[in-house]
Amino acid sequence: MPGKILGLDINEDSVTAVQVKSGLKGYQVTACGRVMVNGHDGTEEALKELSQQIDLKSDTYFASISGEHVSFRNLQMPFKEPKKIRQTLPYEIETVVPFTIEELVVDFSMIDRAEQSKILAASVRKSTLSEYMAQLRTCGIDPQVMDIRCVPTVARLLKEEGPPDNGLFLEIGATRNTMILFIKRRIVLVRTFASGGDALARSVTNEGNGDSESPIAEQIESEIETFCTMVQNTIHAFKWHNNQNIHPEKIFFTGPGALYEEMGNLLNRHLDLPVEQINLRGNQKIGMDRDIASAWTPALMDNALALALRDEGKAQGFDFRKGEFEVKKQYIGFKKELRTWSVFLIIILAFLAADLGTEYYFVKKQHRMLEQNIMEVFKQTFPEVTRIRRPVEEMQSKMKEIQASSISIPGMGSDQRVLDLLKDISERVPSALDVHVTSMVVDPETVRISGETDTFNTVDSLKNGLESSTYFSEVTISAANLDRSGKKVQFELKLQRAR
């Protein structure tokens, strides 16, 4: 995807933006920023403040909606074609959510495609989505995709070779946590939880100054223990509901809570699984300038970075830009790019014109040479013709005369032609006979017919039918033998021409 791409990660605590530029060698981070949200109407103000920090103008925008506004359902559908699932899914969702289908936008991610396909369905109220879109448009942002927070991060993680097939992703925020379970490298479960207290929020207020020795360390451990218990209970319920024996092999974590230096140890202690903090930029080897690198914090920026790196329409994830929210295709160009492409177009047209001119010259020259060759052949073939106006047409006429004169049978009257002879033979061979003629030789004395048929009786029938012809005085079977397969009879008939 060409040009600049902006990933915009919005939640109730903050708004984070990462802008990347794609090129032949990969991606380069060109800008990043993060602004805290204050109050109910703080998202719009945070967006405006963020637009003052960095230039948000980009060629492509990807944004996300917080999982707390999304309803998730694991369903089985009696189809494996995504088109059929998409057509029937709204009616299936309507039976399990407390809203009418007219109030919702629905999407799904495929878990297992089969006759009974397993899917993870997600729905969001149109009113919520409209509010998000209105806030984005105040800053001139119209995202091509509206995904769900953290899902692009997991999708990007699963594109790498390192993570196991089964694992658990945790985003630990100041006031809300998210868990995503993936099985066989497919996202199967997404849940969000309100944080149990404010100790962790106070610890990471300064974004990275969490101190495990502070007086609130015990409170933080209590909050994380509560969160881990909810995660375990959720996975247990998912196992029971789907009758699956699920065992995540590793935990990947990120978010503001990851700034607390003991977070990895706490997760390992309470979930009894190996843990790893995510760093998408390090894993993907994405370039950035030194001033951006100094302000870069993976735990705070990775969700927005994953959005910016998201493949439009191809990623494992969701997109709520559907129905009335569908992206309207607009043919908008930028002046600088238009000038560049205009120069390229002029150069291409100049080369094309030169190529066509050269080709016309050589074609015209070849045409003159062909006319000269035709004239020479005509004079050599028909030396008696002294006045030639249209050599091609006159030669065609002469050829027709020669062909008409050449179809008379040698040794017969001029009123008897080869076509008459062939017609007589064809009429005397019954259509019911299985006969395949491979060769026919006509000379002044005889006609020889070779071919193959199904039985020797058919050869006799063919001989008897031709004996009644006035064109032949005698018909004999020169040869009749089984072929190598033993299923066909190869024959040769000699027809003595009548005089």
Protein backbone atom coordinates (compact mmCIF):
# COMPACT_ATOMS: atom_id res chain seq x y z
CA MET A 1 0.00 0.00 0.00
CA PRO A 2 1.70 3.23 -1.14
CA GLY A 3 2.16 6.50 0.70
CA LYS A 4 1.72 7.33 4.36
CA ILE A 5 -0.45 5.13 6.59
CA LEU A 6 -1.81 6.23 9.96
CA GLY A 7 -2.79 3.77 12.68
CA LEU A 8 -5.08 5.35 15.29
CA ASP A 9 -5.62 3.44 18.56
CA ILE A 10 -8.47 4.93 20.63
CA ASN A 11 -9.59 3.82 24.08
CA GLU A 12 -11.19 5.44 27.10
CA ASP A 13 -7.78 6.38 28.55
CA SER A 14 -5.79 7.67 25.61
CA VAL A 15 -5.47 8.24 21.87
CA THR A 16 -2.31 6.94 20.21
CA ALA A 17 -1.24 7.52 16.61
CA VAL A 18 1.61 5.97 14.62
CA GLN A 19 2.31 7.00 11.04
CA VAL A 20 4.42 4.86 8.75
CA LYS A 21 5.57 5.22 5.18
CA SER A 22 5.81 2.18 2.97
CA GLY A 23 8.62 1.68 0.53
CA LEU A 24 10.49 -0.95 -1.40
CA LYS A 25 12.61 -1.83 1.66
CA GLY A 26 9.70 -1.98 4.12
CA TYR A 27 8.20 0.53 6.52
CA GLN A 28 9.60 3.66 8.14
CA VAL A 29 7.91 5.27 11.15
CA THR A 30 7.53 8.96 10.27
CA ALA A 31 5.58 10.17 13.33
CA CYS A 32 4.07 8.99 16.60
CA GLY A 33 2.16 10.55 19.47
CA ARG A 34 -0.01 9.78 22.46
CA VAL A 35 -2.48 12.01 24.34
CA MET A 36 -4.46 11.14 27.47
CA VAL A 37 -8.25 11.39 27.44
CA ASN A 38 -9.94 13.46 30.14
CA GLY A 39 -13.67 13.26 30.78
CA HIS A 40 -16.58 11.98 28.72
CA ASP A 41 -15.98 14.32 25.80
CA GLY A 42 -12.22 14.06 26.05
CA THR A 43 -11.69 11.84 23.00
CA GLU A 44 -12.44 14.60 20.52
CA GLU A 45 -10.25 17.05 22.42
CA ALA A 46 -7.48 14.48 22.61
CA LEU A 47 -7.65 14.01 18.83
CA LYS A 48 -7.37 17.75 18.30
CA GLU A 49 -4.41 17.95 20.67
CA LEU A 50 -2.77 15.01 18.93
CA SER A 51 -3.21 16.70 15.54
CA GLN A 52 -1.29 19.67 16.93
CA GLN A 53 1.57 17.45 18.08
CA ILE A 54 2.00 15.58 14.78
CA ASP A 55 0.71 15.92 11.23
CA LEU A 56 -2.06 13.31 11.03
CA LYS A 57 -2.64 13.84 7.31
CA SER A 58 -2.02 10.53 5.54
CA ASP A 59 -2.97 8.64 2.41
CA THR A 60 -4.57 5.76 4.32
CA TYR A 61 -6.13 5.57 7.79
CA PHE A 62 -6.77 2.52 9.98
CA ALA A 63 -8.55 2.98 13.32
CA SER A 64 -9.87 0.75 16.11
CA ILE A 65 -12.83 0.74 18.46
CA SER A 66 -12.52 -0.31 22.08
CA GLY A 67 -13.56 -3.90 22.80
CA GLU A 68 -15.83 -2.78 25.64
CA HIS A 69 -18.31 -1.52 23.02
CA VAL A 70 -18.26 -4.79 21.08
CA SER A 71 -20.29 -7.95 21.68
CA PHE A 72 -18.50 -11.21 20.83
CA ARG A 73 -20.09 -14.59 20.09
CA ASN A 74 -18.53 -17.92 19.13
CA LEU A 75 -20.89 -19.54 16.63
CA GLN A 76 -21.13 -22.47 14.27
CA MET A 77 -22.57 -21.82 10.81
CA PRO A 78 -23.74 -24.49 8.33
CA PHE A 79 -21.63 -22.97 5.54
CA LYS A 80 -17.99 -22.71 4.64
CA GLU A 81 -18.33 -19.91 2.08
CA PRO A 82 -17.70 -16.48 3.70
CA LYS A 83 -20.33 -14.88 1.46
CA LYS A 84 -23.10 -17.15 2.75
CA ILE A 85 -21.95 -16.70 6.35
CA ARG A 86 -22.01 -12.92 5.93
CA GLN A 87 -25.55 -13.05 4.52
CA THR A 88 -27.03 -15.15 7.32
CA LEU A 89 -24.93 -14.03 10.30
CA PRO A 90 -27.05 -10.95 11.22
CA TYR A 91 -30.13 -13.13 11.76
CA GLU A 92 -28.11 -15.53 13.93
CA ILE A 93 -26.67 -12.65 15.98
CA GLU A 94 -30.08 -11.10 16.55
CA THR A 95 -31.15 -14.08 18.65
CA VAL A 96 -28.28 -13.67 21.15
CA VAL A 97 -28.01 -9.88 21.63
CA PRO A 98 -30.50 -7.48 23.27
CA PHE A 99 -30.78 -5.27 20.16
CA THR A 100 -32.48 -5.45 16.79
CA ILE A 101 -30.31 -6.19 13.81
CA GLU A 102 -31.13 -2.73 12.41
CA GLU A 103 -29.21 -1.23 15.34
CA LEU A 104 -26.02 -3.26 14.77
CA VAL A 105 -23.05 -3.59 12.46
CA VAL A 106 -21.84 -7.19 12.35
CA ASP A 107 -18.59 -8.79 11.19
CA PHE A 108 -16.81 -12.08 11.79
CA SER A 109 -13.44 -13.80 11.75
CA MET A 110 -13.11 -17.39 10.53
CA ILE A 111 -11.79 -19.87 13.09
CA ASP A 112 -12.26 -23.15 11.24
CA ARG A 113 -13.71 -23.47 7.74
CA ALA A 114 -15.67 -26.68 7.26
CA GLU A 115 -19.20 -27.91 6.56
CA GLN A 116 -19.99 -26.56 10.04
CA SER A 117 -17.69 -23.55 10.13
CA LYS A 118 -16.59 -22.08 13.46
CA ILE A 119 -16.50 -18.30 13.55
CA LEU A 120 -15.92 -15.50 16.02
CA ALA A 121 -18.68 -12.95 15.43
CA ALA A 122 -18.51 -9.34 16.62
CA SER A 123 -21.23 -6.70 16.66
CA VAL A 124 -21.28 -3.03 17.62
CA ARG A 125 -24.16 -0.60 17.88
CA LYS A 126 -24.48 1.83 15.00
CA SER A 127 -24.91 4.74 17.41
CA THR A 128 -21.53 3.97 19.03
CA LEU A 129 -19.84 3.64 15.67
CA SER A 130 -21.41 6.89 14.45
CA GLU A 131 -20.01 8.70 17.48
CA TYR A 132 -16.53 7.34 16.80
CA MET A 133 -16.70 8.32 13.14
CA ALA A 134 -17.92 11.83 13.95
CA GLN A 135 -15.01 12.37 16.34
CA LEU A 136 -12.53 11.23 13.70
CA ARG A 137 -14.00 13.43 10.99
CA THR A 138 -13.46 16.52 13.13
CA CYS A 139 -9.75 15.97 12.40
CA GLY A 140 -10.31 15.10 8.74
CA ILE A 141 -9.82 11.36 9.30
CA ASP A 142 -11.95 8.86 7.39
CA PRO A 143 -10.52 5.40 8.17
CA GLN A 144 -10.60 2.72 5.48
CA VAL A 145 -10.95 0.09 8.22
CA MET A 146 -12.48 0.20 11.72
CA ASP A 147 -11.07 -2.79 13.59
CA ILE A 148 -11.22 -3.82 17.28
CA ARG A 149 -8.47 -2.78 19.67
CA CYS A 150 -5.61 -5.28 20.13
CA VAL A 151 -6.87 -7.64 17.39
CA PRO A 152 -4.45 -6.18 14.78
CA THR A 153 -1.62 -6.55 17.30
CA VAL A 154 -2.30 -10.27 17.69
CA ALA A 155 -2.78 -10.68 13.93
CA ARG A 156 0.61 -9.05 13.32
CA LEU A 157 2.20 -11.21 16.05
CA LEU A 158 0.84 -14.40 14.47
CA LYS A 159 2.46 -13.55 11.14
CA GLU A 160 5.84 -14.14 12.73
CA GLU A 161 7.47 -17.55 13.12
CA GLY A 162 8.34 -17.27 16.81
CA PRO A 163 4.97 -17.47 18.64
CA PRO A 164 3.50 -20.91 19.38
CA ASP A 165 0.28 -22.08 17.72
CA ASN A 166 -1.67 -21.69 20.98
CA GLY A 167 -1.20 -18.68 23.20
CA LEU A 168 -2.67 -15.84 25.20
CA PHE A 169 -2.39 -12.11 24.59
CA LEU A 170 -2.96 -9.65 27.44
CA GLU A 171 -3.13 -5.89 27.20
CA ILE A 172 -2.96 -4.42 30.68
CA GLY A 173 -4.32 -0.91 30.80
CA ALA A 174 -4.76 1.68 33.47
CA THR A 175 -8.52 1.15 33.83
CA ARG A 176 -9.36 -1.72 31.46
CA ASN A 177 -7.66 -4.96 30.44
CA THR A 178 -8.04 -7.05 27.29
CA MET A 179 -7.40 -10.75 26.70
CA ILE A 180 -7.24 -12.52 23.34
CA LEU A 181 -6.91 -16.29 23.10
CA PHE A 182 -5.55 -17.79 19.89
CA ILE A 183 -5.68 -21.49 19.02
CA LYS A 184 -3.91 -22.95 15.98
CA ARG A 185 -2.85 -19.40 15.14
CA ARG A 186 -6.46 -18.24 14.83
CA ILE A 187 -8.11 -15.74 17.20
CA VAL A 188 -10.91 -17.60 18.98
CA LEU A 189 -11.76 -15.43 22.00
CA VAL A 190 -11.71 -11.71 22.79
CA ARG A 191 -12.74 -10.29 26.18
CA THR A 192 -12.28 -7.00 28.02
CA PHE A 193 -12.31 -6.52 31.82
CA ALA A 194 -12.53 -3.43 34.00
CA SER A 195 -9.47 -3.02 36.20
CA GLY A 196 -10.00 -3.95 39.83
CA GLY A 197 -8.42 -0.84 41.31
CA ASP A 198 -6.35 2.26 40.71
CA ALA A 199 -2.98 1.24 42.13
CA LEU A 200 -1.61 0.23 38.75
CA ALA A 201 -3.01 3.37 37.14
CA ARG A 202 -1.24 5.55 39.72
CA SER A 203 1.96 3.53 39.32
CA VAL A 204 2.23 4.09 35.55
CA THR A 205 0.94 7.65 35.49
CA ASN A 206 4.37 8.86 34.47
CA GLU A 207 4.55 6.19 31.68
CA GLY A 208 7.43 4.01 32.70
CA ASN A 209 8.22 4.96 36.27
CA GLY A 210 6.54 1.96 37.87
CA ASP A 211 8.44 0.96 41.03
CA SER A 212 8.06 -2.53 42.40
CA GLU A 213 9.35 -1.33 45.78
CA SER A 214 6.71 1.40 46.22
CA PRO A 215 4.01 1.13 48.93
CA ILE A 216 1.39 0.29 46.31
CA ALA A 217 3.22 -2.81 45.07
CA GLU A 218 1.01 -5.10 47.15
CA GLN A 219 -2.11 -3.42 45.77
CA ILE A 220 -0.85 -3.88 42.22
CA GLU A 221 -0.20 -7.58 42.83
CA SER A 222 -3.71 -7.94 44.22
CA GLU A 223 -5.18 -6.28 41.12
CA ILE A 224 -3.17 -8.50 38.78
CA GLU A 225 -4.10 -11.61 40.76
CA THR A 226 -7.78 -10.70 40.39
CA PHE A 227 -7.31 -10.12 36.67
CA CYS A 228 -5.49 -13.43 36.21
CA THR A 229 -8.29 -15.24 38.02
CA MET A 230 -10.83 -13.72 35.62
CA VAL A 231 -8.66 -14.80 32.67
CA GLN A 232 -8.46 -18.37 33.97
CA ASN A 233 -12.21 -18.51 34.60
CA THR A 234 -12.92 -17.17 31.11
CA ILE A 235 -10.69 -19.76 29.45
CA HIS A 236 -12.23 -22.51 31.58
CA ALA A 237 -15.75 -21.45 30.54
CA PHE A 238 -14.66 -21.34 26.90
CA LYS A 239 -13.24 -24.87 27.18
CA TRP A 240 -16.47 -26.17 28.71
CA HIS A 241 -18.73 -24.41 26.21
CA ASN A 242 -16.76 -25.63 23.17
CA ASN A 243 -15.81 -29.03 24.62
CA GLN A 244 -12.13 -28.39 23.83
CA ASN A 245 -9.00 -29.22 25.76
CA ILE A 246 -7.23 -25.86 25.41
CA HIS A 247 -3.76 -25.18 26.82
CA PRO A 248 -2.09 -21.86 25.95
CA GLU A 249 1.66 -22.31 25.67
CA LYS A 250 2.78 -18.74 26.26
CA ILE A 251 1.59 -15.30 27.35
CA PHE A 252 2.33 -12.17 25.34
CA PHE A 253 1.61 -8.90 27.11
CA THR A 254 1.68 -5.18 26.41
CA GLY A 255 -0.11 -1.97 27.40
CA PRO A 256 0.59 0.69 30.03
CA GLY A 257 0.69 -2.01 32.71
CA ALA A 258 3.73 -3.48 30.99
CA LEU A 259 5.65 -0.41 32.14
CA TYR A 260 5.49 -1.79 35.66
CA GLU A 261 8.80 -3.62 35.86
CA GLU A 262 7.47 -6.62 37.79
CA MET A 263 4.50 -7.23 35.49
CA GLY A 264 6.08 -10.18 33.69
CA ASN A 265 6.90 -11.92 36.98
CA LEU A 266 3.37 -11.32 38.32
CA LEU A 267 1.73 -12.81 35.22
CA ASN A 268 4.06 -15.79 35.29
CA ARG A 269 3.38 -16.38 38.98
CA HIS A 270 -0.43 -16.24 38.76
CA LEU A 271 -0.96 -17.91 35.37
CA ASP A 272 1.94 -20.35 35.53
CA LEU A 273 2.97 -19.81 31.92
CA PRO A 274 6.08 -18.36 30.28
CA VAL A 275 5.62 -14.68 29.44
CA GLU A 276 7.04 -12.30 26.86
CA GLN A 277 6.51 -8.58 26.41
CA ILE A 278 5.66 -7.63 22.85
CA ASN A 279 7.85 -5.32 20.80
CA LEU A 280 6.48 -5.27 17.25
CA ARG A 281 8.96 -2.72 16.02
CA GLY A 282 11.90 -4.86 17.12
CA ASN A 283 10.42 -8.02 15.66
CA GLN A 284 9.55 -6.42 12.33
CA LYS A 285 12.79 -4.40 11.99
CA ILE A 286 10.89 -1.23 11.21
CA GLY A 287 13.00 1.86 10.71
CA MET A 288 12.59 5.24 12.40
CA ASP A 289 14.56 8.41 12.90
CA ARG A 290 16.57 8.94 16.08
CA ASP A 291 14.23 11.60 17.51
CA ILE A 292 11.23 9.29 17.06
CA ALA A 293 13.12 6.31 18.50
CA SER A 294 13.91 8.29 21.64
CA ALA A 295 10.19 8.88 22.28
CA TRP A 296 9.12 5.36 21.29
CA THR A 297 7.62 3.10 23.96
CA PRO A 298 6.52 -0.31 22.59
CA ALA A 299 4.00 -0.96 25.36
CA LEU A 300 2.16 2.26 24.45
CA MET A 301 2.69 2.35 20.69
CA ASP A 302 2.39 -1.25 19.51
CA ASN A 303 -1.39 -1.28 19.08
CA ALA A 304 -1.28 1.80 16.85
CA LEU A 305 1.75 0.42 14.98
CA ALA A 306 -0.07 -2.87 14.32
CA LEU A 307 -2.98 -0.88 12.88
CA ALA A 308 -0.68 1.06 10.58
CA LEU A 309 0.85 -2.22 9.36
CA ARG A 310 -2.54 -3.85 8.86
CA ASP A 311 -3.22 -5.21 5.37
CA GLU A 312 -6.50 -3.73 4.19
CA GLY A 313 -9.05 -6.48 3.50
CA LYS A 314 -6.51 -9.30 4.09
CA ALA A 315 -5.74 -9.27 7.78
CA GLN A 316 -7.14 -11.69 10.34
CA GLY A 317 -9.50 -9.36 12.14
CA PHE A 318 -12.64 -7.29 11.78
CA ASP A 319 -13.90 -4.28 9.87
CA PHE A 320 -17.05 -2.39 10.82
CA ARG A 321 -16.98 -0.13 7.76
CA LYS A 322 -20.02 -1.89 6.32
CA GLY A 323 -23.50 -0.96 5.19
CA GLU A 324 -24.19 2.71 5.82
CA PHE A 325 -20.63 3.05 7.17
CA GLU A 326 -19.00 1.59 4.07
CA VAL A 327 -16.09 3.57 2.69
CA LYS A 328 -17.14 5.69 -0.27
CA LYS A 329 -14.58 5.39 -3.01
CA GLN A 330 -13.28 8.80 -3.87
CA TYR A 331 -10.83 9.68 -6.57
CA ILE A 332 -8.69 12.15 -4.67
CA GLY A 333 -5.15 12.96 -5.70
CA PHE A 334 -2.46 15.15 -4.29
CA LYS A 335 -0.93 17.89 -6.41
CA LYS A 336 2.64 16.78 -5.90
CA GLU A 337 1.88 13.18 -6.80
CA LEU A 338 -0.24 14.31 -9.75
CA ARG A 339 2.65 16.34 -11.16
CA THR A 340 5.01 13.39 -10.75
CA TRP A 341 2.66 10.98 -12.48
CA SER A 342 2.02 13.55 -15.24
CA VAL A 343 5.73 13.67 -16.03
CA PHE A 344 5.90 9.87 -16.15
CA LEU A 345 2.82 9.78 -18.38
CA ILE A 346 4.30 12.31 -20.83
CA ILE A 347 7.54 10.32 -21.03
CA ILE A 348 5.63 7.09 -21.63
CA LEU A 349 3.47 8.70 -24.34
CA ALA A 350 6.59 10.10 -26.03
CA PHE A 351 8.21 6.67 -26.14
CA LEU A 352 4.94 5.15 -27.36
CA ALA A 353 4.63 7.72 -30.18
CA ALA A 354 8.23 7.10 -31.24
CA ASP A 355 7.63 3.35 -31.18
CA LEU A 356 4.46 3.65 -33.29
CA GLY A 357 6.22 5.93 -35.81
CA THR A 358 9.11 3.50 -36.19
CA GLU A 359 6.74 0.54 -36.52
CA TYR A 360 4.69 2.36 -39.22
CA TYR A 361 7.83 3.08 -41.25
CA PHE A 362 8.95 -0.56 -41.24
CA VAL A 363 5.44 -1.88 -41.97
CA LYS A 364 5.09 0.47 -44.95
CA LYS A 365 8.52 -0.59 -46.25
CA GLN A 366 7.62 -4.27 -45.88
CA HIS A 367 4.33 -3.66 -47.70
CA ARG A 368 6.15 -2.18 -50.72
CA MET A 369 8.53 -5.15 -50.82
CA LEU A 370 5.63 -7.62 -50.75
CA GLU A 371 3.91 -5.81 -53.64
CA GLN A 372 7.10 -6.08 -55.69
CA ASN A 373 7.46 -9.81 -54.89
CA ILE A 374 3.84 -10.48 -55.85
CA MET A 375 4.32 -8.68 -59.17
CA GLU A 376 7.44 -10.71 -59.95
CA VAL A 377 5.71 -14.03 -59.10
CA PHE A 378 2.72 -13.06 -61.25
CA LYS A 379 4.90 -12.28 -64.29
CA GLN A 380 6.83 -15.55 -63.88
CA THR A 381 3.67 -17.64 -63.49
CA PHE A 382 1.57 -15.96 -66.16
CA PRO A 383 3.99 -14.49 -68.71
CA GLU A 384 1.21 -14.21 -71.28
CA VAL A 385 -0.45 -11.44 -69.23
CA THR A 386 1.17 -8.13 -70.20
CA ARG A 387 -1.16 -5.65 -68.51
CA ILE A 388 -1.41 -6.00 -64.74
CA ARG A 389 -3.50 -3.59 -62.67
CA ARG A 390 -4.40 -5.48 -59.49
CA PRO A 391 -1.91 -8.35 -59.15
CA VAL A 392 -3.47 -9.97 -56.04
CA GLU A 393 -7.03 -10.06 -57.39
CA GLU A 394 -5.95 -11.13 -60.88
CA MET A 395 -3.77 -13.92 -59.45
CA GLN A 396 -6.70 -15.18 -57.33
CA SER A 397 -8.88 -15.27 -60.45
CA LYS A 398 -6.23 -17.21 -62.39
CA MET A 399 -5.85 -19.70 -59.52
CA LYS A 400 -9.60 -20.36 -59.51
CA GLU A 401 -9.48 -21.12 -63.23
CA ILE A 402 -6.64 -23.57 -62.70
CA GLN A 403 -8.45 -25.26 -59.78
CA ALA A 404 -11.64 -25.59 -61.83
CA SER A 405 -9.77 -27.22 -64.68
CA SER A 406 -7.84 -29.56 -62.37
CA ILE A 407 -10.83 -31.30 -60.81
CA SER A 408 -11.61 -33.36 -63.91
CA ILE A 409 -10.63 -36.99 -63.49
CA PRO A 410 -7.65 -38.01 -65.62
CA GLY A 411 -8.71 -40.36 -68.39
CA MET A 412 -12.43 -39.53 -68.16
CA GLY A 413 -14.74 -37.18 -69.99
CA SER A 414 -14.76 -33.54 -69.07
CA ASP A 415 -18.29 -33.91 -67.73
CA GLN A 416 -17.12 -36.29 -65.01
CA ARG A 417 -15.42 -34.66 -62.08
CA VAL A 418 -13.71 -35.82 -58.88
CA LEU A 419 -16.58 -34.37 -56.84
CA ASP A 420 -19.07 -36.51 -58.80
CA LEU A 421 -16.98 -39.60 -58.12
CA LEU A 422 -16.73 -38.85 -54.40
CA LYS A 423 -20.45 -38.19 -54.18
CA ASP A 424 -21.24 -41.55 -55.85
CA ILE A 425 -18.95 -43.43 -53.43
CA SER A 426 -20.39 -41.61 -50.40
CA GLU A 427 -23.98 -42.42 -51.41
CA ARG A 428 -23.20 -46.12 -51.84
CA VAL A 429 -21.68 -46.52 -48.37
CA PRO A 430 -24.57 -47.01 -45.86
CA SER A 431 -24.42 -44.49 -43.00
CA ALA A 432 -24.99 -47.31 -40.49
CA LEU A 433 -21.61 -48.87 -41.33
CA ASP A 434 -18.69 -48.11 -38.99
CA VAL A 435 -16.15 -47.10 -41.65
CA HIS A 436 -13.20 -44.70 -41.30
CA VAL A 437 -11.40 -43.91 -44.60
CA THR A 438 -7.74 -43.04 -44.07
CA SER A 439 -6.65 -42.56 -47.69
CA MET A 440 -8.00 -42.45 -51.26
CA VAL A 441 -5.84 -42.52 -54.40
CA VAL A 442 -7.39 -41.67 -57.81
CA ASP A 443 -5.51 -42.44 -61.03
CA PRO A 444 -6.58 -42.99 -64.66
CA GLU A 445 -7.12 -46.74 -64.18
CA THR A 446 -8.15 -47.32 -60.58
CA VAL A 447 -9.30 -45.85 -57.31
CA ARG A 448 -7.76 -47.26 -54.13
CA ILE A 449 -9.51 -46.76 -50.77
CA SER A 450 -7.81 -47.61 -47.46
CA GLY A 451 -9.32 -47.41 -44.00
CA GLU A 452 -10.53 -49.33 -40.96
CA THR A 453 -13.86 -50.74 -39.79
CA ASP A 454 -15.31 -52.91 -37.06
CA THR A 455 -15.72 -56.35 -38.75
CA PHE A 456 -14.88 -58.29 -41.90
CA ASN A 457 -18.61 -58.39 -42.75
CA THR A 458 -18.57 -54.61 -42.92
CA VAL A 459 -15.75 -54.81 -45.50
CA ASP A 460 -17.89 -57.19 -47.60
CA SER A 461 -20.90 -54.89 -47.31
CA LEU A 462 -18.77 -51.94 -48.40
CA LYS A 463 -17.52 -53.94 -51.45
CA ASN A 464 -21.01 -55.05 -52.43
CA GLY A 465 -22.36 -51.53 -52.24
CA LEU A 466 -19.67 -50.11 -54.52
CA GLU A 467 -19.99 -52.87 -57.15
CA SER A 468 -23.33 -51.41 -58.30
CA SER A 469 -21.70 -48.10 -59.29
CA THR A 470 -21.53 -47.24 -63.00
CA TYR A 471 -18.15 -45.59 -62.37
CA PHE A 472 -16.44 -48.93 -61.66
CA SER A 473 -16.24 -52.13 -63.63
CA GLU A 474 -14.82 -54.23 -60.80
CA VAL A 475 -14.36 -53.91 -57.02
CA THR A 476 -11.92 -56.19 -55.18
CA ILE A 477 -10.69 -56.46 -51.59
CA SER A 478 -6.91 -56.06 -51.78
CA ALA A 479 -6.34 -56.52 -48.04
CA ALA A 480 -8.36 -57.08 -44.85
CA ASN A 481 -6.53 -57.71 -41.55
CA LEU A 482 -7.02 -57.17 -37.84
CA ASP A 483 -5.00 -54.29 -36.39
CA ARG A 484 -2.60 -54.75 -33.45
CA SER A 485 -5.33 -54.17 -30.89
CA GLY A 486 -7.49 -56.88 -32.43
CA LYS A 487 -10.52 -54.63 -32.22
CA LYS A 488 -10.45 -53.04 -35.70
CA VAL A 489 -10.15 -54.42 -39.28
CA GLN A 490 -7.81 -52.58 -41.61
CA PHE A 491 -8.83 -52.88 -45.25
CA GLU A 492 -7.92 -51.78 -48.78
CA LEU A 493 -10.35 -51.78 -51.76
CA LYS A 494 -9.30 -51.59 -55.39
CA LEU A 495 -11.96 -50.10 -57.69
CA GLN A 496 -11.36 -50.62 -61.44
CA ARG A 497 -12.68 -47.58 -63.30
CA ALA A 498 -15.18 -48.18 -66.05
CA ARG A 499 -14.40 -46.92 -69.56
